[in-house]
Amino acid sequence: MGNFINIYFLEDMKIKQLLLASVTGLILFSCSDKDDISVSQNEINSLSVSLSGIKSATNSRASSPTDIITSDIKNVNSVLINLTDVNGKVITSKSVTKDDVLNSDWNKLTDPAKGLKFINTPQSVSKVYIYGNPGNAVNNNVINTKLAEQQGSAVLYYGMDDDLKPIVNEPIEPTPTSGKTYTANVTIAPIVARMQITKISFKNAGSFDFTRSIGGASKKATVTWTQFSGNVKGIYMNNFYNTYNQPGTLENLLMNSTFEGHIHDGMWTFDTNPIIDAAPFASYLIYNSGDGTYANLPLDLSGKCYAFNFFPGTAIPQLHLDLSDLVIEGLASTDTEVFNPELASSARFANLVKYYKEINTELTAADFKPGTLYNMEIELIPMLDNDLGNVQYNVLVHVTVAPWNEETITPGFDLEQ
C-alpha cells in the first residue's frame, strides 16, 4: 500500500531548527535524525500541507527610503516542499506558485480547511523541508545564495520538521484515502535579519560625558554644545557576510576599515577579487553622475525607513553615515586632552558599531537572529570622525524581533575611546 503525509504549514507555531552556531561559523537550522516511526509504514497513505498568513510587501531596494516591514508581513509568493529520508535525501519534491484560482494547489495549501495532500508517498519519507521564495537558491535541499539576492521582503524563507506527527486516521479531506495520515508541523522564517532606520536626527543642543584612557588612566570630560545640524549624504553597511550556505557556514565577510576611497562614483566597494560594488544592497545614496556630487538623503522618513538585510552570524554589522554641511556652535569640553572640540569641525563620518538591548547591555553577535526586524532611531551628537574604524557618535536604538517577530530594546550610547 502507498504512503501519505499531511504537512500543516503554521506560521504562528514555534520555529524549529533556527539555531546560531558557535564562533567557528553559523549553521542555521540544524536537524536531528529520526530513527524510527511509531506506526507501521503500511498504514500510512498521505501527507498534507497547510500554509496561512501570507501577505505582500515591498520587494526592492532603493536610494530613497523604502517601506517599513512589520511583523505581520510574510511575503511568500512560492514554496518548494522537499520530503526526505532520515539522512536528508530528497524523495519527493513539489513547487507551488501563488495564484487566485479556486481549488488550485496554492488554494489548498493556504486554506487550513483543505490542505495540499501528497498521496502514495514512499515509506522512507521521514522529514519535511519547506522553502519560501526559493528562486535558484535551493538545489537538492542545499541552500547557496548571496546577500544581493536577499533584499526587500520577498526573501528566502526556511523551515523543517523531522518529527512527523500526529498520525491521523483517514478519511481526511480534500482527498480521502484509506489508512492513516502523517502531519508535519512546519514554521518558515526568513534566513536574513533586517535593520530598519526609522528616524535620523541631529540633537540640536545637549551634553554628554566622554572618557578616554590616557597614560593608562581613565579620564573624563563633559562635552556641551548649543547648536548642531547637518545633512546625510550616504548610509553604508559594513562588516557583513555576503554568502549563505545551508548546511554549512556563512562565508565572504566584507569589511572596510579606514578607506574613504571605497565611496566613489556612486559605489560602495570592498577589496575582493573581483571588487564587489555593494551599493545596490548595502548602501543608500543619491549620486549625480553628471557633476559627480551626492545629493542629501531625506531625513523626514514619513513612515518609511532605510533598511539593510543581513545574514546573522559571528559578525555584527556596522553602519556608517556620511555627513556634510555640519553646523556646530557652542561646543565646549571640560578637558580638551580628553575631547578636543576643534577636531569636530572637520568630521565626516558617524560610525555605529554597537547596539544595546538595554542600558549598558550590548547586543552580541549571537543576539542577532534570522527572521528578526531591528528598528532603530539614530540621534547624532557632535562627536564624529573621519576614520571608519572609530566609534564616534551616539545612537538611539529600538529593536523589533520576529519571523518577522518583534521586541523592544533600550537606546544606548558609546562615549568612550
Protein backbone atom coordinates (compact mmCIF):
# COMPACT_ATOMS: atom_id res chain seq x y z
CA MET A 1 0.00 0.00 0.00
CA GLY A 2 1.24 3.53 -0.71
CA ASN A 3 2.03 6.12 1.91
CA PHE A 4 0.77 9.57 2.52
CA ILE A 5 1.68 12.52 4.72
CA ASN A 6 -0.14 15.62 5.95
CA ILE A 7 2.02 18.78 6.35
CA TYR A 8 0.44 21.65 8.22
CA PHE A 9 2.38 24.83 7.46
CA LEU A 10 1.60 27.00 10.51
CA GLU A 11 3.47 30.31 10.76
CA ASP A 12 2.46 31.12 14.34
CA MET A 13 3.86 27.92 15.83
CA LYS A 14 7.26 27.57 17.42
CA ILE A 15 10.10 27.96 14.89
CA LYS A 16 12.12 24.81 14.57
CA GLN A 17 15.74 24.40 13.63
CA LEU A 18 16.64 28.12 13.65
CA LEU A 19 19.91 27.94 15.57
CA LEU A 20 23.06 30.03 15.50
CA ALA A 21 26.32 28.11 15.55
CA SER A 22 29.42 28.80 17.64
CA VAL A 23 32.24 31.20 16.79
CA THR A 24 33.56 28.81 14.18
CA GLY A 25 30.70 29.81 11.88
CA LEU A 26 26.97 29.81 11.50
CA ILE A 27 24.91 26.71 10.97
CA LEU A 28 21.30 27.83 10.75
CA PHE A 29 18.62 25.22 11.04
CA SER A 30 20.40 22.04 12.15
CA CYS A 31 18.27 18.92 12.31
CA SER A 32 18.27 15.70 14.26
CA ASP A 33 17.84 12.27 12.75
CA LYS A 34 14.55 10.48 13.10
CA ASP A 35 15.50 6.87 13.68
CA ASP A 36 12.12 5.22 13.62
CA ILE A 37 8.42 5.79 13.10
CA SER A 38 5.96 4.72 15.76
CA VAL A 39 3.37 3.25 13.43
CA SER A 40 3.59 0.66 10.67
CA GLN A 41 4.54 2.30 7.37
CA ASN A 42 1.94 0.16 5.64
CA GLU A 43 -0.78 2.09 7.47
CA ILE A 44 0.41 5.50 6.18
CA ASN A 45 -1.12 6.82 2.97
CA SER A 46 -0.67 10.58 2.65
CA LEU A 47 0.88 13.85 3.71
CA SER A 48 -0.97 17.21 3.57
CA VAL A 49 0.41 20.77 3.67
CA SER A 50 -1.37 23.85 5.01
CA LEU A 51 0.07 27.38 4.81
CA SER A 52 -1.54 30.55 6.18
CA GLY A 53 -0.99 34.24 6.92
CA ILE A 54 0.74 35.23 3.68
CA LYS A 55 0.72 38.96 2.83
CA SER A 56 2.53 41.07 0.26
CA ALA A 57 5.16 43.73 0.86
CA THR A 58 7.98 45.66 -0.75
CA ASN A 59 10.38 43.71 -2.90
CA SER A 60 13.19 46.06 -3.84
CA ARG A 61 15.98 48.29 -2.57
CA ALA A 62 16.12 51.95 -3.49
CA SER A 63 18.22 55.10 -2.99
CA SER A 64 15.26 56.72 -1.25
CA PRO A 65 13.55 55.43 1.91
CA THR A 66 11.68 52.19 1.44
CA ASP A 67 8.57 50.71 3.03
CA ILE A 68 8.82 49.55 6.63
CA ILE A 69 8.33 45.80 7.06
CA THR A 70 6.26 44.84 10.09
CA SER A 71 5.82 41.59 11.95
CA ASP A 72 2.58 40.71 10.15
CA ILE A 73 4.23 40.68 6.71
CA LYS A 74 5.09 37.23 5.38
CA ASN A 75 5.80 37.90 1.72
CA VAL A 76 5.87 34.41 0.20
CA ASN A 77 4.98 34.02 -3.47
CA SER A 78 6.01 30.39 -3.96
CA VAL A 79 7.15 27.42 -1.92
CA LEU A 80 9.34 24.39 -2.52
CA ILE A 81 8.40 21.33 -0.45
CA ASN A 82 11.02 18.58 -0.12
CA LEU A 83 10.18 15.26 1.52
CA THR A 84 13.37 13.43 2.52
CA ASP A 85 14.53 10.26 4.18
CA VAL A 86 16.20 10.20 7.59
CA ASN A 87 19.54 11.27 6.03
CA GLY A 88 18.07 14.26 4.17
CA LYS A 89 17.99 12.65 0.72
CA VAL A 90 15.13 14.12 -1.31
CA ILE A 91 12.45 11.50 -2.01
CA THR A 92 9.64 13.73 -3.27
CA SER A 93 9.70 17.40 -4.27
CA LYS A 94 6.94 19.81 -5.24
CA SER A 95 6.85 23.53 -6.12
CA VAL A 96 3.71 25.59 -5.63
CA THR A 97 3.26 29.13 -7.00
CA LYS A 98 0.86 31.68 -5.56
CA ASP A 99 -2.37 32.21 -7.53
CA ASP A 100 -6.04 33.15 -7.04
CA VAL A 101 -7.56 30.01 -8.56
CA LEU A 102 -10.15 28.13 -6.51
CA ASN A 103 -9.06 24.58 -5.61
CA SER A 104 -5.58 25.11 -7.05
CA ASP A 105 -2.58 23.70 -5.21
CA TRP A 106 -1.92 27.17 -3.73
CA ASN A 107 -5.55 27.50 -2.65
CA LYS A 108 -5.44 24.12 -0.92
CA LEU A 109 -2.07 24.96 0.61
CA THR A 110 -3.27 28.26 2.09
CA ASP A 111 -6.74 27.12 3.19
CA PRO A 112 -6.48 25.37 6.59
CA ALA A 113 -9.79 23.64 5.92
CA LYS A 114 -8.31 21.94 2.85
CA GLY A 115 -4.58 21.29 2.84
CA LEU A 116 -2.39 20.09 -0.03
CA LYS A 117 -2.01 16.31 0.09
CA PHE A 118 0.90 14.17 -1.03
CA ILE A 119 -0.63 10.78 -1.81
CA ASN A 120 1.28 7.49 -2.05
CA THR A 121 4.46 8.87 -0.58
CA PRO A 122 7.37 6.44 -0.27
CA GLN A 123 7.74 4.66 3.05
CA SER A 124 11.20 6.13 3.58
CA VAL A 125 9.91 9.71 3.98
CA SER A 126 11.00 10.96 7.43
CA LYS A 127 11.50 14.73 7.23
CA VAL A 128 9.86 17.71 5.57
CA TYR A 129 11.76 20.80 4.40
CA ILE A 130 9.91 23.85 3.15
CA TYR A 131 11.42 26.87 1.37
CA GLY A 132 9.53 30.07 0.64
CA ASN A 133 10.63 32.13 -2.40
CA PRO A 134 13.36 29.57 -3.22
CA GLY A 135 14.27 31.01 -6.63
CA ASN A 136 17.55 29.43 -7.73
CA ALA A 137 18.99 29.33 -4.21
CA VAL A 138 17.93 25.75 -3.36
CA ASN A 139 19.40 22.76 -5.17
CA ASN A 140 18.89 19.20 -3.90
CA ASN A 141 17.95 20.52 -0.45
CA VAL A 142 21.08 22.68 -0.22
CA ILE A 143 20.89 26.50 0.01
CA ASN A 144 23.51 28.75 -1.60
CA THR A 145 22.74 32.45 -2.02
CA LYS A 146 24.32 35.92 -1.97
CA LEU A 147 23.13 38.88 0.07
CA ALA A 148 22.28 40.82 -3.09
CA GLU A 149 19.69 38.13 -3.85
CA GLN A 150 18.00 38.50 -0.42
CA GLN A 151 16.65 42.04 -0.44
CA GLY A 152 13.25 43.57 0.25
CA SER A 153 10.70 41.32 1.95
CA ALA A 154 10.33 38.51 -0.61
CA VAL A 155 13.45 36.84 0.78
CA LEU A 156 14.15 33.14 1.18
CA TYR A 157 12.14 31.55 4.00
CA TYR A 158 13.04 28.23 5.55
CA GLY A 159 11.58 25.68 7.96
CA MET A 160 11.63 21.93 8.56
CA ASP A 161 10.06 19.15 10.63
CA ASP A 162 11.79 15.89 11.49
CA ASP A 163 9.02 14.59 13.74
CA LEU A 164 6.03 13.70 11.55
CA LYS A 165 3.10 13.57 13.91
CA PRO A 166 0.32 13.35 14.87
CA ILE A 167 -0.80 10.42 12.78
CA VAL A 168 -4.50 10.75 11.93
CA ASN A 169 -6.98 8.15 10.71
CA GLU A 170 -8.44 8.72 7.24
CA PRO A 171 -10.66 9.87 5.60
CA ILE A 172 -9.22 13.43 5.58
CA GLU A 173 -10.45 15.99 3.05
CA PRO A 174 -9.99 17.13 0.36
CA THR A 175 -8.74 13.78 -0.96
CA PRO A 176 -9.95 10.96 1.32
CA THR A 177 -7.97 7.72 1.18
CA SER A 178 -7.58 4.66 3.35
CA GLY A 179 -5.08 4.08 6.15
CA LYS A 180 -3.56 6.93 8.14
CA THR A 181 -2.08 10.37 7.51
CA TYR A 182 1.17 11.92 8.70
CA THR A 183 1.11 15.53 9.87
CA ALA A 184 4.21 17.71 9.76
CA ASN A 185 4.05 20.98 11.70
CA VAL A 186 6.37 23.45 9.98
CA THR A 187 7.07 27.14 10.53
CA ILE A 188 9.07 29.06 7.96
CA ALA A 189 11.01 32.24 8.72
CA PRO A 190 13.36 34.45 6.67
CA ILE A 191 17.01 33.40 6.57
CA VAL A 192 18.01 37.09 6.89
CA ALA A 193 17.59 39.66 9.63
CA ARG A 194 16.76 43.27 8.78
CA MET A 195 17.86 46.59 10.26
CA GLN A 196 15.38 49.40 9.65
CA ILE A 197 16.37 53.01 10.41
CA THR A 198 13.07 54.72 11.08
CA LYS A 199 14.43 58.11 12.14
CA ILE A 200 17.64 60.15 11.78
CA SER A 201 18.03 63.45 13.62
CA PHE A 202 20.69 65.88 14.86
CA LYS A 203 20.48 66.70 18.57
CA ASN A 204 20.42 70.47 18.48
CA ALA A 205 21.80 71.08 21.99
CA GLY A 206 22.85 68.98 24.95
CA SER A 207 25.75 67.37 26.78
CA PHE A 208 27.45 64.04 27.38
CA ASP A 209 30.36 62.63 29.37
CA PHE A 210 33.25 61.30 27.28
CA THR A 211 36.02 59.10 28.68
CA ARG A 212 39.45 58.28 27.27
CA SER A 213 42.37 56.21 28.52
CA ILE A 214 45.46 58.46 28.77
CA GLY A 215 48.74 57.10 30.10
CA GLY A 216 46.96 54.05 31.46
CA ALA A 217 44.44 56.14 33.41
CA SER A 218 40.79 56.73 32.54
CA LYS A 219 39.92 60.41 32.27
CA LYS A 220 36.52 62.02 31.72
CA ALA A 221 35.37 65.25 30.09
CA THR A 222 31.89 66.75 29.95
CA VAL A 223 31.05 67.96 26.45
CA THR A 224 28.34 70.56 25.80
CA TRP A 225 27.01 72.33 22.70
CA THR A 226 24.30 74.84 21.80
CA GLN A 227 23.62 74.03 18.14
CA PHE A 228 24.18 71.03 15.87
CA SER A 229 22.76 70.40 12.40
CA GLY A 230 23.83 68.93 9.07
CA ASN A 231 22.97 66.66 6.15
CA VAL A 232 23.43 62.95 5.41
CA LYS A 233 24.94 62.10 2.00
CA GLY A 234 25.02 58.34 2.37
CA ILE A 235 24.39 55.38 4.68
CA TYR A 236 26.64 52.33 4.32
CA MET A 237 26.53 48.86 5.88
CA ASN A 238 29.88 47.31 6.75
CA ASN A 239 31.23 44.11 8.35
CA PHE A 240 28.67 41.64 6.99
CA TYR A 241 28.66 38.18 5.43
CA ASN A 242 27.94 38.06 1.71
CA THR A 243 27.35 34.32 1.17
CA TYR A 244 24.89 31.98 2.89
CA ASN A 245 25.20 28.20 2.73
CA GLN A 246 22.93 25.67 4.44
CA PRO A 247 24.02 23.19 5.53
CA GLY A 248 27.39 24.84 6.09
CA THR A 249 28.73 28.19 7.27
CA LEU A 250 28.48 31.84 6.32
CA GLU A 251 31.26 32.94 4.01
CA ASN A 252 32.81 36.01 2.40
CA LEU A 253 32.93 38.55 5.25
CA LEU A 254 33.02 42.05 3.74
CA MET A 255 34.78 44.66 5.88
CA ASN A 256 36.19 48.11 5.09
CA SER A 257 38.32 49.78 7.74
CA THR A 258 39.57 53.34 7.16
CA PHE A 259 39.23 53.94 3.44
CA GLU A 260 37.14 56.90 2.28
CA GLY A 261 38.14 55.86 -1.23
CA HIS A 262 35.72 52.95 -1.04
CA ILE A 263 32.94 55.50 -1.55
CA HIS A 264 33.26 56.89 -5.06
CA ASP A 265 31.19 57.44 -8.20
CA GLY A 266 28.05 56.17 -6.50
CA MET A 267 29.71 52.91 -5.43
CA TRP A 268 30.36 51.26 -2.06
CA THR A 269 33.19 48.84 -2.84
CA PHE A 270 35.05 46.11 -0.99
CA ASP A 271 38.57 44.78 -1.55
CA THR A 272 37.77 41.41 -3.06
CA ASN A 273 38.81 39.75 -6.30
CA PRO A 274 36.93 40.84 -8.29
CA ILE A 275 35.98 44.02 -6.39
CA ILE A 276 32.41 43.93 -5.08
CA ASP A 277 30.24 47.02 -5.51
CA ALA A 278 27.71 46.65 -2.69
CA ALA A 279 25.83 49.90 -3.42
CA PRO A 280 22.68 48.13 -4.73
CA PHE A 281 22.17 46.24 -1.46
CA ALA A 282 24.44 47.66 1.29
CA SER A 283 24.13 51.44 0.95
CA TYR A 284 21.74 54.33 0.38
CA LEU A 285 22.91 57.29 -1.67
CA ILE A 286 21.77 59.66 -4.42
CA TYR A 287 24.62 60.12 -6.89
CA ASN A 288 24.57 62.68 -9.69
CA SER A 289 26.87 61.24 -12.36
CA GLY A 290 26.79 64.46 -14.38
CA ASP A 291 28.72 66.53 -11.85
CA GLY A 292 29.94 63.76 -9.54
CA THR A 293 28.06 65.03 -6.49
CA TYR A 294 25.93 63.32 -3.86
CA ALA A 295 22.52 64.74 -3.02
CA ASN A 296 21.20 64.87 0.54
CA LEU A 297 19.24 61.86 1.73
CA PRO A 298 15.81 62.71 3.17
CA LEU A 299 15.70 62.65 6.97
CA ASP A 300 11.93 63.06 7.24
CA LEU A 301 11.09 59.42 6.60
CA SER A 302 7.29 59.82 6.86
CA GLY A 303 6.56 56.23 7.84
CA LYS A 304 9.33 54.75 5.67
CA CYS A 305 12.85 53.61 6.58
CA TYR A 306 16.39 52.94 5.42
CA ALA A 307 16.61 49.14 5.52
CA PHE A 308 19.52 46.69 5.38
CA ASN A 309 19.06 42.92 5.16
CA PHE A 310 21.93 40.82 6.51
CA PHE A 311 22.85 37.23 7.40
CA PRO A 312 23.22 36.96 11.22
CA GLY A 313 26.47 35.24 12.16
CA THR A 314 29.62 35.88 14.15
CA ALA A 315 29.97 39.48 12.90
CA ILE A 316 27.89 42.47 13.99
CA PRO A 317 27.04 44.71 11.01
CA GLN A 318 28.25 48.29 11.25
CA LEU A 319 26.59 51.37 9.80
CA HIS A 320 28.43 54.49 8.58
CA LEU A 321 26.67 57.79 7.97
CA ASP A 322 28.47 60.11 5.54
CA LEU A 323 27.76 63.66 6.74
CA SER A 324 28.15 67.14 5.30
CA ASP A 325 27.26 70.80 5.93
CA LEU A 326 27.77 70.42 9.67
CA VAL A 327 26.95 73.42 11.83
CA ILE A 328 28.32 73.09 15.37
CA GLU A 329 28.14 76.01 17.79
CA GLY A 330 28.97 76.42 21.44
CA LEU A 331 30.93 73.15 21.55
CA ALA A 332 32.97 73.02 24.76
CA SER A 333 34.84 70.41 26.78
CA THR A 334 35.91 70.41 30.43
CA ASP A 335 39.15 68.66 29.40
CA THR A 336 40.45 69.26 25.86
CA GLU A 337 43.05 66.49 26.27
CA VAL A 338 40.19 64.02 26.57
CA PHE A 339 37.92 65.67 23.98
CA ASN A 340 39.15 68.46 21.70
CA PRO A 341 36.21 70.49 20.30
CA GLU A 342 38.35 71.88 17.46
CA LEU A 343 38.53 68.44 15.83
CA ALA A 344 34.76 68.11 15.43
CA SER A 345 34.54 70.75 12.69
CA SER A 346 36.50 68.52 10.26
CA ALA A 347 34.49 65.38 10.97
CA ARG A 348 32.77 63.43 8.21
CA PHE A 349 31.57 60.02 9.37
CA ALA A 350 29.24 58.94 12.14
CA ASN A 351 30.05 55.29 12.80
CA LEU A 352 27.62 52.96 14.51
CA VAL A 353 29.31 49.76 15.63
CA LYS A 354 27.44 48.86 18.82
CA TYR A 355 23.81 48.21 19.71
CA TYR A 356 22.13 47.94 23.11
CA LYS A 357 19.18 45.80 24.17
CA GLU A 358 19.00 47.64 27.49
CA ILE A 359 21.09 50.25 29.26
CA ASN A 360 24.75 49.18 29.40
CA THR A 361 23.96 45.77 27.88
CA GLU A 362 25.36 45.39 24.39
CA LEU A 363 23.89 43.11 21.78
CA THR A 364 26.36 40.37 20.90
CA ALA A 365 26.59 38.68 17.51
CA ALA A 366 24.59 35.76 18.92
CA ASP A 367 21.74 38.14 19.82
CA PHE A 368 21.06 38.86 16.14
CA LYS A 369 18.62 36.25 14.85
CA PRO A 370 17.26 35.34 11.41
CA GLY A 371 13.70 36.45 10.78
CA THR A 372 14.19 39.45 13.05
CA LEU A 373 13.39 43.12 12.46
CA TYR A 374 15.74 45.58 14.19
CA ASN A 375 14.16 49.04 14.14
CA MET A 376 16.49 51.93 15.01
CA GLU A 377 16.16 55.63 15.66
CA ILE A 378 19.50 57.41 15.24
CA GLU A 379 20.18 60.69 17.03
CA LEU A 380 23.50 62.29 16.15
CA ILE A 381 25.59 64.41 18.53
CA PRO A 382 28.76 66.39 17.67
CA MET A 383 31.19 63.54 18.30
CA LEU A 384 32.34 62.43 14.89
CA ASP A 385 35.44 61.36 12.97
CA ASN A 386 36.90 60.73 9.51
CA ASP A 387 38.03 57.22 10.42
CA LEU A 388 35.60 54.43 9.54
CA GLY A 389 37.15 52.30 12.26
CA ASN A 390 36.30 54.57 15.20
CA VAL A 391 33.20 54.72 17.36
CA GLN A 392 32.28 58.38 17.17
CA TYR A 393 28.64 59.14 17.80
CA ASN A 394 25.51 58.49 19.80
CA VAL A 395 22.56 56.48 18.62
CA LEU A 396 19.11 55.69 19.85
CA VAL A 397 18.17 52.10 19.02
CA HIS A 398 14.75 50.46 19.04
CA VAL A 399 14.75 46.80 18.06
CA THR A 400 11.94 44.54 16.95
CA VAL A 401 12.14 40.74 16.82
CA ALA A 402 10.12 38.28 14.58
CA PRO A 403 9.74 35.72 11.88
CA TRP A 404 9.15 38.55 11.27
CA ASN A 405 8.89 38.96 15.15
CA GLU A 406 9.08 42.00 17.48
CA GLU A 407 10.94 43.03 20.64
CA THR A 408 11.89 46.44 22.03
CA ILE A 409 15.40 47.31 23.19
CA THR A 410 16.69 50.35 25.08
CA PRO A 411 18.76 53.02 23.28
CA GLY A 412 22.42 53.19 24.20
CA PHE A 413 25.47 55.40 23.68
CA ASP A 414 29.14 54.64 23.24
CA LEU A 415 31.04 57.57 24.76
CA GLU A 416 34.45 56.09 25.38
CA GLN A 417 37.74 55.70 23.49
